[in-house]
Amino acid sequence: MRVVVMGAGGYVGSRLVPALLAAGHDVTATFTKAASAGRFWWAEQVAVLEVDVLDRPAVRAALTGADALYYLVHGLGGDDFATSDREGAYNAAHAAVRAGLGRIVYLGGLLPDVPDGDLSPHLRSRLEVEEVLTDSGIQTLALRAAMVVGSGSTSFEIMRQMSERLPIQVLPRWMDSLVEPVAVTDVVTALVGALAAPAVSRPFDLGSGERMPYAALLRLYADRAGLRRVQVSVPGLPTALVSRLAPALTRAPASTVQSLVESLHHDMVCGRQDFLVQLMPPGHALTPVAEALDRALAVPDASIPDAERDVIGPLSSDAAWTGSLSS
């Protein structure tokens, strides 16, 4: 199958491409700057294209002759990110229809069980992109994840940096909201499996099956990293204050940290876990969160991915807490 991966330079995209190659697919990988593909060992095994998703002719050209599209492009910051994300999604959907694609696979953010109007701006944008792609009429599988655990994931690196720099962690009460992390290896496996899933447009929640308060996740990280940290709960700590202070402790853009903070006001956990049957190989065992943390910790600080790499945020991607905690 000829597959186009838009956002191949991102945190998840760069891991998805070799998995698709191993599965025998013919891959076209798009980058905002083609020269950046050279940092990946698999670059010579794929067709590399320079594509800006806001350039409709370029998107059309990339999808000509393709069978399926992985859309892993998200804006992380700026006042107009939602407009850009919407336009990019429309261009991709329009081009996919013209090219006669059989399937679109999108990786977005896990949605809390709240009215759409209560979603954070970034989560609303992720949902809007999902709806634009689905409304194309092409079979669209929207995979939704909260925190993707792996070295280089924006959300993981923020957690790593804040844990290492803060011996005493002052936590607002709203950090007691539940989160369901998922290992990046399981996300990639699900994405590959999406090509062979039943031909029905629908979303899938991706998670490890382990739900925990974010504060508990920080404690688990400290334990696996061999750190001794003290947590102090502070009721009523304003979201705006946390959003201003946190970027000073990490190398993440302020807008990315703000998106993380906004998402922590709601439980970010999976609904149905039928992705295990529909997307994963038979007998696949999900990676425990502690093991995913150990694997990520085995890799030196990967810092915060740059804009080219972090196409899944915030934080999918690339995130990535994909559209919530993605990137």
Protein backbone atom coordinates (compact mmCIF):
# COMPACT_ATOMS: atom_id res chain seq x y z
CA MET A 1 0.00 0.00 0.00
CA ARG A 2 1.27 3.48 -0.80
CA VAL A 3 1.00 5.56 2.35
CA VAL A 4 1.65 9.27 2.85
CA VAL A 5 2.75 10.39 6.31
CA MET A 6 2.18 14.12 6.75
CA GLY A 7 4.22 15.24 9.71
CA ALA A 8 6.87 12.54 9.28
CA GLY A 9 9.44 14.63 11.13
CA GLY A 10 7.37 14.76 14.30
CA TYR A 11 7.83 12.77 17.48
CA VAL A 12 5.30 10.09 16.52
CA GLY A 13 5.65 10.42 12.75
CA SER A 14 9.38 9.73 12.81
CA ARG A 15 8.68 6.48 14.68
CA LEU A 16 5.72 5.53 12.53
CA VAL A 17 7.59 5.66 9.22
CA PRO A 18 10.04 2.81 9.97
CA ALA A 19 7.18 0.73 11.39
CA LEU A 20 5.27 1.17 8.13
CA LEU A 21 8.35 0.22 6.14
CA ALA A 22 8.77 -2.92 8.25
CA ALA A 23 5.15 -3.79 7.47
CA GLY A 24 5.93 -3.65 3.76
CA HIS A 25 4.30 -0.35 2.83
CA ASP A 26 5.55 2.15 0.27
CA VAL A 27 5.96 5.39 2.24
CA THR A 28 5.99 9.03 1.20
CA ALA A 29 7.14 11.25 4.08
CA THR A 30 6.38 14.96 4.07
CA PHE A 31 8.37 17.65 5.85
CA THR A 32 8.01 21.39 6.05
CA LYS A 33 11.66 21.49 4.98
CA ALA A 34 12.85 18.48 3.00
CA ALA A 35 16.45 18.99 4.11
CA SER A 36 15.49 18.07 7.68
CA ALA A 37 14.71 14.51 6.60
CA GLY A 38 18.42 13.75 6.47
CA ARG A 39 18.62 13.32 10.24
CA PHE A 40 16.57 10.11 10.04
CA TRP A 41 18.22 6.83 9.09
CA TRP A 42 15.17 5.79 7.06
CA ALA A 43 15.16 8.88 4.82
CA GLU A 44 16.71 7.05 1.85
CA GLN A 45 14.05 4.33 2.03
CA VAL A 46 11.09 6.67 1.49
CA ALA A 47 9.99 9.34 -0.94
CA VAL A 48 10.67 12.67 0.77
CA LEU A 49 8.51 15.65 -0.15
CA GLU A 50 8.55 19.23 1.08
CA VAL A 51 4.94 20.11 1.87
CA ASP A 52 3.33 22.97 3.72
CA VAL A 53 -0.21 21.84 4.57
CA LEU A 54 -1.40 25.41 3.94
CA ASP A 55 -0.24 25.05 0.31
CA ARG A 56 -3.17 23.26 -1.34
CA PRO A 57 -1.40 22.41 -4.64
CA ALA A 58 1.52 20.90 -2.73
CA VAL A 59 -0.84 18.78 -0.63
CA ARG A 60 -2.64 17.60 -3.77
CA ALA A 61 0.62 16.62 -5.40
CA ALA A 62 1.73 14.67 -2.32
CA LEU A 63 -1.46 12.58 -2.26
CA THR A 64 -1.65 11.81 -5.97
CA GLY A 65 -1.56 8.05 -6.42
CA ALA A 66 -1.68 7.32 -2.68
CA ASP A 67 -3.90 4.75 -0.97
CA ALA A 68 -3.91 6.15 2.56
CA LEU A 69 -2.93 9.25 4.53
CA TYR A 70 -1.61 9.62 8.05
CA TYR A 71 -2.33 13.18 9.14
CA LEU A 72 -0.06 14.08 12.07
CA VAL A 73 0.08 17.85 11.74
CA HIS A 74 -0.87 20.22 14.56
CA GLY A 75 -0.12 23.80 15.48
CA LEU A 76 1.27 24.38 18.95
CA GLY A 77 1.10 28.07 19.52
CA GLY A 78 0.27 31.50 18.19
CA ASP A 79 -3.01 33.36 18.30
CA ASP A 80 -4.19 31.87 15.01
CA PHE A 81 -3.23 28.21 15.42
CA ALA A 82 -6.85 27.01 15.18
CA THR A 83 -7.36 28.76 11.85
CA SER A 84 -4.15 27.28 10.45
CA ASP A 85 -5.05 23.80 11.70
CA ARG A 86 -8.50 24.09 10.15
CA GLU A 87 -7.14 25.23 6.79
CA GLY A 88 -4.52 22.48 6.74
CA ALA A 89 -7.16 19.85 7.50
CA TYR A 90 -9.45 21.17 4.75
CA ASN A 91 -6.59 21.06 2.27
CA ALA A 92 -5.73 17.49 3.23
CA ALA A 93 -9.36 16.36 3.09
CA HIS A 94 -9.94 18.03 -0.28
CA ALA A 95 -6.78 16.51 -1.73
CA ALA A 96 -7.64 13.07 -0.34
CA VAL A 97 -11.03 13.13 -2.06
CA ARG A 98 -9.49 14.21 -5.37
CA ALA A 99 -6.87 11.47 -5.12
CA GLY A 100 -9.47 8.81 -4.31
CA LEU A 101 -7.80 7.71 -1.08
CA GLY A 102 -9.30 4.75 0.74
CA ARG A 103 -8.43 5.80 4.28
CA ILE A 104 -7.26 8.65 6.50
CA VAL A 105 -5.70 8.00 9.90
CA TYR A 106 -5.50 10.94 12.29
CA LEU A 107 -3.83 11.13 15.68
CA GLY A 108 -5.46 13.70 17.92
CA GLY A 109 -6.18 14.38 21.55
CA LEU A 110 -8.15 12.32 24.04
CA LEU A 111 -11.36 14.18 24.84
CA PRO A 112 -12.65 14.54 28.40
CA ASP A 113 -16.28 13.76 29.10
CA VAL A 114 -17.44 17.38 29.02
CA PRO A 115 -19.47 19.51 26.59
CA ASP A 116 -17.49 20.69 23.55
CA GLY A 117 -17.78 24.26 24.81
CA ASP A 118 -15.79 23.33 27.92
CA LEU A 119 -12.82 21.96 25.97
CA SER A 120 -9.57 23.90 25.96
CA PRO A 121 -8.87 25.84 22.73
CA HIS A 122 -6.27 23.29 21.65
CA LEU A 123 -8.54 20.32 22.28
CA ARG A 124 -11.36 22.05 20.41
CA SER A 125 -9.00 22.54 17.49
CA ARG A 126 -7.95 18.87 17.55
CA LEU A 127 -11.59 17.83 17.50
CA GLU A 128 -12.33 20.24 14.67
CA VAL A 129 -9.51 18.76 12.57
CA GLU A 130 -10.90 15.29 13.25
CA GLU A 131 -14.35 16.40 12.14
CA VAL A 132 -13.04 18.06 8.97
CA LEU A 133 -11.20 14.90 7.92
CA THR A 134 -14.14 12.66 8.77
CA ASP A 135 -16.59 14.88 6.91
CA SER A 136 -14.58 14.31 3.73
CA GLY A 137 -16.52 11.06 3.30
CA ILE A 138 -13.31 9.05 3.22
CA GLN A 139 -13.05 6.34 5.87
CA THR A 140 -11.34 8.17 8.71
CA LEU A 141 -9.96 6.58 11.86
CA ALA A 142 -9.24 9.14 14.54
CA LEU A 143 -6.92 7.82 17.22
CA ARG A 144 -7.03 9.84 20.43
CA ALA A 145 -4.36 9.79 23.13
CA ALA A 146 -3.62 11.76 26.27
CA MET A 147 -0.01 11.58 27.43
CA VAL A 148 2.30 9.67 25.08
CA VAL A 149 5.23 8.39 27.15
CA GLY A 150 8.63 8.26 25.48
CA SER A 151 11.91 10.13 25.37
CA GLY A 152 11.48 13.23 23.24
CA SER A 153 7.74 13.44 23.80
CA THR A 154 7.01 17.03 24.78
CA SER A 155 4.88 16.01 27.74
CA PHE A 156 7.46 13.53 28.99
CA GLU A 157 10.31 16.03 28.68
CA ILE A 158 8.31 18.66 30.55
CA MET A 159 7.69 16.15 33.33
CA ARG A 160 11.36 15.16 33.32
CA GLN A 161 12.62 18.72 33.52
CA MET A 162 10.18 19.89 36.16
CA SER A 163 10.83 16.80 38.30
CA GLU A 164 14.58 17.25 38.12
CA ARG A 165 14.49 20.97 38.87
CA LEU A 166 11.89 21.02 41.66
CA PRO A 167 12.81 19.11 44.84
CA ILE A 168 9.56 20.45 46.30
CA GLN A 169 6.57 20.24 43.97
CA VAL A 170 3.77 22.69 44.71
CA LEU A 171 0.67 21.17 43.15
CA PRO A 172 -2.77 22.75 42.66
CA ARG A 173 -5.74 20.62 43.65
CA TRP A 174 -6.82 20.36 40.03
CA MET A 175 -3.75 18.23 39.35
CA ASP A 176 -5.67 15.44 41.07
CA SER A 177 -7.54 14.96 37.79
CA LEU A 178 -7.00 11.50 36.30
CA VAL A 179 -4.78 10.85 33.31
CA GLU A 180 -4.25 7.65 31.32
CA PRO A 181 -0.80 7.64 29.71
CA VAL A 182 0.16 5.35 26.85
CA ALA A 183 3.59 4.19 25.64
CA VAL A 184 4.72 5.58 22.30
CA THR A 185 5.42 2.02 21.10
CA ASP A 186 1.76 1.12 21.63
CA VAL A 187 0.63 4.27 19.82
CA VAL A 188 2.78 3.39 16.80
CA THR A 189 1.48 -0.19 16.81
CA ALA A 190 -2.11 1.10 16.84
CA LEU A 191 -1.39 3.53 14.00
CA VAL A 192 0.02 0.77 11.80
CA GLY A 193 -2.94 -1.46 12.65
CA ALA A 194 -5.36 1.27 11.64
CA LEU A 195 -4.65 0.56 7.97
CA ALA A 196 -6.28 -2.87 8.27
CA ALA A 197 -9.09 -1.97 10.69
CA PRO A 198 -12.75 -2.36 9.67
CA ALA A 199 -13.82 0.21 7.08
CA VAL A 200 -15.88 2.45 9.37
CA SER A 201 -15.14 6.08 10.20
CA ARG A 202 -14.85 6.36 13.97
CA PRO A 203 -12.60 7.46 16.84
CA PHE A 204 -10.51 5.18 19.07
CA ASP A 205 -9.25 6.08 22.53
CA LEU A 206 -5.68 4.92 23.14
CA GLY A 207 -4.49 4.27 26.69
CA SER A 208 -2.51 1.93 28.89
CA GLY A 209 -5.49 0.93 31.03
CA GLU A 210 -3.76 2.56 34.03
CA ARG A 211 -5.53 5.63 35.35
CA MET A 212 -3.90 7.85 37.93
CA PRO A 213 -3.94 11.45 39.15
CA TYR A 214 -1.28 13.56 37.48
CA ALA A 215 0.30 14.09 40.90
CA ALA A 216 0.62 10.30 41.24
CA LEU A 217 2.23 10.13 37.80
CA LEU A 218 4.82 12.67 38.97
CA ARG A 219 5.50 10.49 42.03
CA LEU A 220 5.87 7.42 39.83
CA TYR A 221 8.29 9.29 37.58
CA ALA A 222 10.39 10.39 40.57
CA ASP A 223 10.45 6.81 41.88
CA ARG A 224 11.60 5.35 38.54
CA ALA A 225 14.16 8.15 38.14
CA GLY A 226 15.54 7.64 41.64
CA LEU A 227 14.56 11.12 42.79
CA ARG A 228 13.30 12.11 46.23
CA ARG A 229 10.60 14.71 45.81
CA VAL A 230 8.15 16.31 48.22
CA GLN A 231 4.67 17.22 46.99
CA VAL A 232 2.69 20.02 48.61
CA SER A 233 -0.96 20.46 47.66
CA VAL A 234 -2.06 24.09 47.43
CA PRO A 235 -5.82 24.57 47.01
CA GLY A 236 -6.92 27.42 44.80
CA LEU A 237 -3.59 27.95 43.01
CA PRO A 238 -4.62 29.95 39.90
CA THR A 239 -4.21 28.34 36.50
CA ALA A 240 -2.82 31.60 35.08
CA LEU A 241 -0.04 31.69 37.68
CA VAL A 242 1.00 28.10 36.96
CA SER A 243 0.96 28.80 33.23
CA ARG A 244 3.32 31.75 33.73
CA LEU A 245 5.76 30.01 36.07
CA ALA A 246 6.05 26.58 34.48
CA PRO A 247 7.75 27.68 31.21
CA ALA A 248 10.57 29.21 33.27
CA LEU A 249 11.37 25.72 34.57
CA THR A 250 11.34 23.93 31.23
CA ARG A 251 12.49 24.43 27.65
CA ALA A 252 8.93 24.15 26.37
CA PRO A 253 7.17 27.10 24.74
CA ALA A 254 4.81 28.91 27.09
CA SER A 255 1.82 28.11 24.84
CA THR A 256 2.61 24.41 25.05
CA VAL A 257 2.78 24.44 28.85
CA GLN A 258 -0.44 26.45 28.99
CA SER A 259 -2.19 23.76 26.94
CA LEU A 260 -1.00 21.11 29.38
CA VAL A 261 -2.24 23.12 32.34
CA GLU A 262 -5.63 23.69 30.73
CA SER A 263 -6.13 19.97 30.08
CA LEU A 264 -5.39 19.02 33.68
CA HIS A 265 -8.71 20.45 34.80
CA HIS A 266 -10.51 17.38 33.45
CA ASP A 267 -10.03 13.63 33.67
CA MET A 268 -8.15 12.50 30.54
CA VAL A 269 -9.00 8.80 30.45
CA CYS A 270 -10.21 6.36 27.82
CA GLY A 271 -13.79 5.35 27.26
CA ARG A 272 -13.94 2.04 25.42
CA GLN A 273 -10.67 0.18 24.95
CA ASP A 274 -11.78 -1.68 21.84
CA PHE A 275 -8.66 -0.46 20.05
CA LEU A 276 -7.03 -3.54 21.56
CA VAL A 277 -9.21 -5.75 19.36
CA GLN A 278 -9.61 -3.51 16.33
CA LEU A 279 -6.11 -2.05 15.93
CA MET A 280 -3.58 -4.17 17.83
CA PRO A 281 -2.11 -7.55 16.82
CA PRO A 282 -3.73 -10.57 18.50
CA GLY A 283 -2.36 -11.11 21.99
CA HIS A 284 -0.65 -7.71 22.12
CA ALA A 285 0.23 -6.74 25.69
CA LEU A 286 0.13 -3.03 26.47
CA THR A 287 3.26 -1.55 28.00
CA PRO A 288 2.82 -0.73 31.71
CA VAL A 289 3.35 2.95 32.50
CA ALA A 290 6.29 2.20 34.81
CA GLU A 291 8.02 0.26 32.04
CA ALA A 292 7.35 3.03 29.52
CA LEU A 293 8.93 5.51 31.94
CA ASP A 294 11.95 3.24 32.41
CA ARG A 295 12.46 3.02 28.65
CA ALA A 296 12.17 6.79 28.26
CA LEU A 297 14.56 7.42 31.16
CA ALA A 298 17.14 5.16 29.53
CA VAL A 299 17.57 7.85 26.85
CA PRO A 300 19.35 11.09 27.88
CA ASP A 301 17.32 14.29 28.07
CA ALA A 302 16.02 14.77 24.55
CA SER A 303 14.94 18.32 25.33
CA ILE A 304 11.77 19.79 23.88
CA PRO A 305 11.27 18.92 20.20
CA ASP A 306 11.42 21.77 17.75
CA ALA A 307 8.46 22.85 15.67
CA GLU A 308 9.30 20.42 12.85
CA ARG A 309 9.47 17.44 15.19
CA ASP A 310 6.62 18.20 17.50
CA VAL A 311 3.77 17.99 15.04
CA ILE A 312 1.58 16.08 17.41
CA GLY A 313 1.40 18.38 20.38
CA PRO A 314 0.42 19.81 22.56
CA LEU A 315 1.61 17.99 24.26
CA SER A 316 0.93 15.14 21.04
CA SER A 317 2.12 15.40 19.89
CA ASP A 318 4.63 15.40 18.65
CA ALA A 319 2.31 15.35 20.67
CA ALA A 320 3.16 14.77 22.63
CA TRP A 321 0.17 15.01 24.74
CA THR A 322 -1.85 14.95 21.60
CA GLY A 323 -3.96 18.00 21.72
CA SER A 324 -4.18 17.94 25.47
CA LEU A 325 -1.51 16.62 27.73
CA SER A 326 -0.15 14.73 22.90
CA SER A 327 2.81 15.56 20.63
